[in-house]
Amino acid sequence: MQSLLEKLRGGPFNLALSSGFFGFYAHAGLLSVLEDHDLVPRFVSGSSAGALAGGLWAAGVSAQTMSRVLFALERRDFWDPGLGLGLLRGRLFRERLENLVPVSAMEDAKIPLALSIYDILRRRTSVRDRGSISAAIHASCALPGLFQPVWLERRPYSDGGIRDRPGWQGLDKTTFTLAHDLPSRAKRATQTRPHTSVVSMTGLPRVTPFSLRRGNEAFAVARAGMQRALARRVEDLVVV
């Protein structure tokens, strides 16, 4: 069987990045390895932390730039408590997104992308592939209890990982997909999907708003794990 690296080099592939609280540090580590090998997916999808990392990357923010911004991130940069259905209003978070993303519309991204958000009123996942990138990322990262819901077209939306934890609902099932699955404290079984290799890292440190400095370590662990994964044979599930 082919190695994962050979598979990715040999033909078109999609990239799916899962939710996982402050797991965007780990996603950035994986993206840095793809950049090292000039591996560019034909399509990017993600939810929550995966929407943040995948959306910025697809829009043209390099993994190097992303990691520099994340390593310098402090809680005060996004911590804006206010009255509402969630601790944080999300205004500071949205401002940082809009200042960082190089294009405003998803249609103008360097790589086509689709981000999962949760439609609160309809109780189902909605996939966004058009409109404001920063708005879609903001909505997909709006973890209930932490962030207040995000209103788009007069409807409230919340964290995309509520019903689409792997972040792949916006992808077709016929193109080979590389999926990065962040471990869950709930210890739910990693989902499988046709024509998909799921890379799940062990030993990732848990990053929270109160332990952002661990993000550097999460980046390094994920980067090393992805480098090992590229040498593995293509399987439905790759744990490194």
Protein backbone atom coordinates (compact mmCIF):
# COMPACT_ATOMS: atom_id res chain seq x y z
CA MET A 1 0.00 0.00 0.00
CA GLN A 2 1.02 3.61 -0.53
CA SER A 3 2.29 5.77 2.23
CA LEU A 4 0.10 8.69 3.17
CA LEU A 5 2.64 11.07 1.62
CA GLU A 6 2.56 9.15 -1.67
CA LYS A 7 -1.23 9.17 -1.64
CA LEU A 8 -1.43 12.92 -1.10
CA ARG A 9 1.15 13.63 -3.78
CA GLY A 10 -0.48 11.25 -6.24
CA GLY A 11 -3.82 12.90 -6.73
CA PRO A 12 -6.38 15.43 -5.54
CA PHE A 13 -7.39 15.32 -1.90
CA ASN A 14 -9.67 17.18 0.47
CA LEU A 15 -8.70 18.34 3.95
CA ALA A 16 -11.07 18.21 6.94
CA LEU A 17 -10.18 19.71 10.32
CA SER A 18 -12.24 18.76 13.36
CA SER A 19 -13.57 20.73 16.28
CA GLY A 20 -11.71 20.52 19.58
CA PHE A 21 -11.96 23.57 21.87
CA PHE A 22 -8.65 25.48 21.47
CA GLY A 23 -7.28 22.84 19.09
CA PHE A 24 -6.37 25.31 16.37
CA TYR A 25 -2.77 25.19 17.63
CA ALA A 26 -2.59 21.50 16.75
CA HIS A 27 -4.27 22.10 13.39
CA ALA A 28 -1.67 24.76 12.62
CA GLY A 29 1.08 22.22 13.36
CA LEU A 30 -0.40 19.79 10.84
CA LEU A 31 -0.82 22.54 8.24
CA SER A 32 2.84 23.49 8.62
CA VAL A 33 3.85 19.97 7.54
CA LEU A 34 1.57 20.12 4.49
CA GLU A 35 3.26 23.37 3.54
CA ASP A 36 6.71 21.84 3.95
CA HIS A 37 5.79 19.22 1.35
CA ASP A 38 3.86 21.58 -0.94
CA LEU A 39 0.71 19.53 -0.40
CA VAL A 40 -2.27 21.67 -1.37
CA PRO A 41 -5.78 20.20 -1.03
CA ARG A 42 -8.45 20.84 -3.63
CA PHE A 43 -10.95 21.70 -0.89
CA VAL A 44 -10.86 22.53 2.83
CA SER A 45 -13.60 22.00 5.39
CA GLY A 46 -13.79 22.33 9.15
CA SER A 47 -15.80 23.02 12.25
CA SER A 48 -15.02 25.13 15.32
CA ALA A 49 -11.22 25.04 15.87
CA GLY A 50 -10.94 23.40 12.45
CA ALA A 51 -12.97 26.20 10.89
CA LEU A 52 -10.60 28.76 12.39
CA ALA A 53 -7.37 27.10 11.23
CA GLY A 54 -8.76 25.77 7.94
CA GLY A 55 -10.60 28.96 7.07
CA LEU A 56 -7.58 31.18 7.63
CA TRP A 57 -5.28 28.81 5.77
CA ALA A 58 -7.61 28.46 2.78
CA ALA A 59 -7.94 32.25 2.68
CA GLY A 60 -4.17 32.62 2.31
CA VAL A 61 -2.79 32.88 5.86
CA SER A 62 0.30 30.67 5.95
CA ALA A 63 0.85 28.22 8.79
CA GLN A 64 3.93 30.23 9.76
CA THR A 65 1.92 33.44 10.07
CA MET A 66 -0.89 31.61 11.84
CA SER A 67 1.47 30.08 14.38
CA ARG A 68 3.13 33.44 15.05
CA VAL A 69 -0.26 35.02 15.77
CA LEU A 70 -1.39 32.11 17.93
CA PHE A 71 1.84 31.96 19.93
CA ALA A 72 1.44 35.66 20.78
CA LEU A 73 -2.26 35.30 21.67
CA GLU A 74 -3.29 36.34 25.17
CA ARG A 75 -6.63 35.89 26.88
CA ARG A 76 -7.24 39.63 26.99
CA ASP A 77 -7.12 39.69 23.18
CA PHE A 78 -10.53 37.99 22.94
CA TRP A 79 -11.93 38.14 26.49
CA ASP A 80 -14.95 40.48 26.37
CA PRO A 81 -17.64 39.35 28.86
CA GLY A 82 -21.11 40.79 28.42
CA LEU A 83 -24.76 40.07 29.05
CA GLY A 84 -26.23 37.44 26.74
CA LEU A 85 -26.48 33.71 26.11
CA GLY A 86 -22.77 33.13 26.64
CA LEU A 87 -19.92 34.54 28.67
CA LEU A 88 -18.15 36.36 25.84
CA ARG A 89 -19.73 38.74 23.35
CA GLY A 90 -17.25 37.73 20.64
CA ARG A 91 -16.61 41.24 19.34
CA LEU A 92 -12.88 41.16 20.07
CA PHE A 93 -12.59 37.72 18.49
CA ARG A 94 -14.38 38.92 15.35
CA GLU A 95 -12.19 42.03 15.11
CA ARG A 96 -9.02 39.93 15.25
CA LEU A 97 -10.35 37.65 12.53
CA GLU A 98 -11.22 40.54 10.24
CA ASN A 99 -7.78 42.08 10.75
CA LEU A 100 -6.02 38.79 9.99
CA VAL A 101 -7.91 37.28 7.08
CA PRO A 102 -6.55 38.58 3.71
CA VAL A 103 -9.85 38.30 1.80
CA SER A 104 -13.33 39.01 3.09
CA ALA A 105 -15.45 36.63 1.00
CA MET A 106 -15.25 32.85 0.97
CA GLU A 107 -15.63 32.96 -2.80
CA ASP A 108 -12.24 34.73 -2.99
CA ALA A 109 -10.28 32.24 -0.89
CA LYS A 110 -7.15 30.69 -2.42
CA ILE A 111 -8.56 27.22 -1.75
CA PRO A 112 -12.31 26.49 -1.94
CA LEU A 113 -13.71 25.90 1.53
CA ALA A 114 -16.86 25.01 3.43
CA LEU A 115 -17.32 25.62 7.15
CA SER A 116 -19.88 23.94 9.41
CA ILE A 117 -22.02 26.04 11.74
CA TYR A 118 -24.97 25.00 13.89
CA ASP A 119 -28.40 26.43 13.12
CA ILE A 120 -29.91 26.81 16.61
CA LEU A 121 -33.53 27.22 15.52
CA ARG A 122 -33.52 24.30 13.07
CA ARG A 123 -31.26 22.18 15.30
CA ARG A 124 -29.04 21.06 12.46
CA THR A 125 -25.71 21.77 10.82
CA SER A 126 -25.55 24.39 8.10
CA VAL A 127 -22.57 24.43 5.73
CA ARG A 128 -21.32 27.84 4.63
CA ASP A 129 -19.33 28.15 1.42
CA ARG A 130 -20.24 31.72 0.46
CA GLY A 131 -20.22 35.11 2.16
CA SER A 132 -18.01 36.50 4.89
CA ILE A 133 -15.15 34.25 5.96
CA SER A 134 -14.75 35.95 9.33
CA ALA A 135 -18.49 35.65 10.06
CA ALA A 136 -18.50 31.94 9.23
CA ILE A 137 -15.41 31.27 11.35
CA HIS A 138 -16.86 33.29 14.22
CA ALA A 139 -20.14 31.36 14.12
CA SER A 140 -18.40 27.98 13.87
CA CYS A 141 -16.27 28.80 16.93
CA ALA A 142 -19.17 30.08 19.06
CA LEU A 143 -19.00 27.38 21.71
CA PRO A 144 -22.22 27.42 23.78
CA GLY A 145 -21.64 28.87 27.22
CA LEU A 146 -18.36 30.51 26.24
CA PHE A 147 -19.45 32.63 23.26
CA GLN A 148 -22.80 34.19 22.57
CA PRO A 149 -24.60 32.98 19.41
CA VAL A 150 -23.69 34.66 16.14
CA TRP A 151 -26.50 36.15 14.05
CA LEU A 152 -26.30 35.65 10.29
CA GLU A 153 -29.19 36.71 8.06
CA ARG A 154 -31.37 37.19 11.13
CA ARG A 155 -30.77 33.67 12.42
CA PRO A 156 -28.68 32.60 15.45
CA TYR A 157 -25.84 30.15 14.90
CA SER A 158 -23.46 28.35 17.22
CA ASP A 159 -20.47 26.01 17.28
CA GLY A 160 -20.15 23.84 14.18
CA GLY A 161 -18.85 20.92 16.21
CA ILE A 162 -22.23 20.38 17.89
CA ARG A 163 -23.44 18.13 15.08
CA ASP A 164 -20.40 17.91 12.81
CA ARG A 165 -17.44 17.26 15.06
CA PRO A 166 -15.15 15.95 12.25
CA GLY A 167 -15.87 19.05 10.17
CA TRP A 168 -16.41 17.14 6.94
CA GLN A 169 -20.12 17.58 6.24
CA GLY A 170 -19.36 20.02 3.43
CA LEU A 171 -17.16 17.56 1.51
CA ASP A 172 -18.02 15.10 -1.21
CA LYS A 173 -17.52 11.42 -0.36
CA THR A 174 -15.77 10.37 -3.56
CA THR A 175 -12.52 12.38 -3.33
CA PHE A 176 -9.85 11.09 -0.96
CA THR A 177 -9.92 13.08 2.27
CA LEU A 178 -7.24 13.67 4.87
CA ALA A 179 -8.99 14.36 8.18
CA HIS A 180 -7.32 15.65 11.32
CA ASP A 181 -9.32 14.50 14.33
CA LEU A 182 -8.59 16.17 17.65
CA PRO A 183 -9.06 13.91 20.69
CA SER A 184 -12.22 14.49 22.70
CA ARG A 185 -12.47 14.39 26.49
CA ALA A 186 -15.76 12.55 25.97
CA LYS A 187 -13.69 9.74 24.42
CA ARG A 188 -16.16 9.23 21.59
CA ALA A 189 -15.02 6.80 18.94
CA THR A 190 -13.31 8.41 15.97
CA GLN A 191 -15.75 8.49 13.08
CA THR A 192 -14.90 6.84 9.79
CA ARG A 193 -15.87 7.81 6.27
CA PRO A 194 -15.37 6.36 2.77
CA HIS A 195 -12.11 7.32 1.04
CA THR A 196 -10.82 9.00 4.18
CA SER A 197 -7.67 8.68 6.26
CA VAL A 198 -8.12 10.07 9.76
CA VAL A 199 -5.02 11.26 11.56
CA SER A 200 -5.50 11.47 15.33
CA MET A 201 -2.61 12.57 17.54
CA THR A 202 -1.88 11.12 20.95
CA GLY A 203 -0.26 13.17 23.69
CA LEU A 204 -1.65 16.53 22.64
CA PRO A 205 -1.70 18.94 25.60
CA ARG A 206 -5.09 20.46 26.36
CA VAL A 207 -5.14 24.18 25.62
CA THR A 208 -7.73 26.44 27.29
CA PRO A 209 -8.20 30.21 27.62
CA PHE A 210 -6.27 29.89 30.89
CA SER A 211 -3.39 27.82 29.47
CA LEU A 212 -2.66 29.41 26.11
CA ARG A 213 1.09 28.95 26.58
CA ARG A 214 0.57 25.22 26.05
CA GLY A 215 -0.37 26.04 22.47
CA ASN A 216 3.32 26.05 21.48
CA GLU A 217 3.63 22.49 22.74
CA ALA A 218 0.41 21.41 20.99
CA PHE A 219 1.74 22.82 17.73
CA ALA A 220 5.03 20.94 18.11
CA VAL A 221 3.37 17.64 19.06
CA ALA A 222 0.96 17.82 16.12
CA ARG A 223 3.73 18.76 13.72
CA ALA A 224 5.85 15.79 14.80
CA GLY A 225 2.82 13.50 14.66
CA MET A 226 1.94 14.54 11.12
CA GLN A 227 5.50 13.99 9.99
CA ARG A 228 5.25 10.43 11.30
CA ALA A 229 1.82 9.94 9.76
CA LEU A 230 3.09 10.78 6.27
CA ALA A 231 5.39 7.76 6.42
CA ARG A 232 2.58 5.40 7.46
CA ARG A 233 0.55 3.31 5.05
CA VAL A 234 -2.78 4.71 3.97
CA GLU A 235 -5.46 3.28 6.26
CA ASP A 236 -8.93 4.28 7.32
CA LEU A 237 -7.51 5.32 10.66
CA VAL A 238 -4.00 6.51 11.45
CA VAL A 239 -3.16 7.18 15.10
CA VAL A 240 0.28 8.64 15.81
